[in-house]
Amino acid sequence: MREISEVECLAIKKNYPIGYKFLGKVISVRPFGIFVRENQTQAIDWGLIDIGHYYLCPAGCKALPLNFSQCLFKGADIYCIVVYYRELNRQIGLCWLGN
């Protein structure tokens, strides 16, 4: 995934605040989680649903199943919510709301 600039990071925080829900497309499945981008604008191309950060997700979110790479595949449409930002990596932390 490409790294975003500090200016892009600030714009994303403004346009995609914590709690923002959207329909996204899985763009990559990794052992540690799933990268997602927003379907409509494709502005979010680096959001990550991390299997290790489920405890940060609000009520109503789904935990990724242990075999998530078998049920969530590249190209799948899923609903997500923005839950945190990773300042160091300039990434957005997402949780899975469902398909």
Protein backbone atom coordinates (compact mmCIF):
# COMPACT_ATOMS: atom_id res chain seq x y z
CA MET A 1 0.00 0.00 0.00
CA ARG A 2 1.24 3.46 -0.73
CA GLU A 3 2.20 5.81 2.09
CA ILE A 4 0.20 9.00 2.27
CA SER A 5 1.57 12.46 2.96
CA GLU A 6 0.91 14.45 6.13
CA VAL A 7 -1.40 16.80 4.19
CA GLU A 8 -3.41 13.84 2.87
CA CYS A 9 -3.54 12.42 6.40
CA LEU A 10 -5.08 15.62 7.78
CA ALA A 11 -7.63 15.76 4.95
CA ILE A 12 -8.62 12.15 5.56
CA LYS A 13 -9.17 12.79 9.27
CA LYS A 14 -11.46 15.67 8.35
CA ASN A 15 -13.37 13.82 5.61
CA TYR A 16 -13.45 10.38 7.29
CA PRO A 17 -13.86 10.95 11.02
CA ILE A 18 -13.97 8.20 13.60
CA GLY A 19 -17.40 6.61 13.38
CA TYR A 20 -17.70 7.11 9.60
CA LYS A 21 -19.40 4.07 8.00
CA PHE A 22 -18.93 3.09 4.37
CA LEU A 23 -19.15 0.30 1.83
CA GLY A 24 -15.68 -0.80 0.85
CA LYS A 25 -13.93 -3.28 -1.35
CA VAL A 26 -11.28 -5.71 -0.09
CA ILE A 27 -8.10 -4.93 -2.00
CA SER A 28 -5.70 -7.23 -0.18
CA VAL A 29 -5.89 -10.10 2.31
CA ARG A 30 -2.84 -10.57 4.55
CA PRO A 31 -2.19 -12.89 7.51
CA PHE A 32 -2.60 -9.93 9.91
CA GLY A 33 -5.76 -8.43 8.41
CA ILE A 34 -7.55 -6.99 5.41
CA PHE A 35 -6.85 -3.80 3.46
CA VAL A 36 -9.98 -2.00 2.26
CA ARG A 37 -10.76 1.01 0.09
CA GLU A 38 -14.00 2.97 -0.10
CA ASN A 39 -16.10 1.96 -3.11
CA GLN A 40 -17.53 5.30 -4.16
CA THR A 41 -14.59 7.68 -4.01
CA GLN A 42 -11.72 5.21 -3.78
CA ALA A 43 -10.08 7.80 -1.52
CA ILE A 44 -9.49 5.26 1.23
CA ASP A 45 -7.09 2.79 -0.32
CA TRP A 46 -5.16 1.89 2.77
CA GLY A 47 -7.70 1.21 5.52
CA LEU A 48 -6.87 -1.87 7.57
CA ILE A 49 -9.07 -4.26 9.49
CA ASP A 50 -6.42 -5.66 11.82
CA ILE A 51 -7.12 -8.98 13.55
CA GLY A 52 -5.16 -7.80 16.58
CA HIS A 53 -7.21 -4.65 17.21
CA TYR A 54 -10.72 -6.06 17.51
CA TYR A 55 -10.88 -4.81 21.14
CA LEU A 56 -11.00 -1.24 19.75
CA CYS A 57 -14.17 -1.91 17.77
CA PRO A 58 -17.52 -0.56 18.95
CA ALA A 59 -20.58 -2.72 19.61
CA GLY A 60 -22.14 -4.08 16.45
CA CYS A 61 -18.86 -4.86 14.72
CA LYS A 62 -17.91 -8.37 13.74
CA ALA A 63 -14.68 -10.05 14.70
CA LEU A 64 -12.76 -11.43 11.76
CA PRO A 65 -13.13 -15.21 11.83
CA LEU A 66 -9.96 -17.25 12.27
CA ASN A 67 -10.23 -18.34 8.64
CA PHE A 68 -11.03 -14.84 7.34
CA SER A 69 -8.85 -15.34 4.27
CA GLN A 70 -11.27 -18.06 3.13
CA CYS A 71 -14.46 -16.03 3.52
CA LEU A 72 -13.27 -12.48 2.79
CA PHE A 73 -11.42 -12.35 -0.49
CA LYS A 74 -9.96 -9.71 -2.77
CA GLY A 75 -12.80 -7.91 -4.54
CA ALA A 76 -15.44 -8.62 -1.87
CA ASP A 77 -17.73 -5.74 -0.85
CA ILE A 78 -17.92 -5.20 2.92
CA TYR A 79 -19.25 -2.55 5.28
CA CYS A 80 -16.69 -0.89 7.54
CA ILE A 81 -16.44 1.77 10.21
CA VAL A 82 -13.47 4.05 10.95
CA VAL A 83 -12.34 3.40 14.54
CA TYR A 84 -8.83 4.80 14.92
CA TYR A 85 -5.85 6.32 13.12
CA ARG A 86 -2.30 5.03 13.09
CA GLU A 87 -0.27 8.20 13.19
CA LEU A 88 3.09 6.50 12.72
CA ASN A 89 2.03 4.51 9.65
CA ARG A 90 -0.48 7.11 8.46
CA GLN A 91 -3.11 4.41 8.15
CA ILE A 92 -6.74 4.29 9.09
CA GLY A 93 -7.98 1.56 11.42
CA LEU A 94 -11.26 -0.06 10.44
CA CYS A 95 -13.68 -2.56 11.88
CA TRP A 96 -15.89 -4.92 9.90
CA LEU A 97 -19.64 -4.35 10.07
CA GLY A 98 -20.61 -7.13 7.68
CA ASN A 99 -21.11 -7.93 4.01
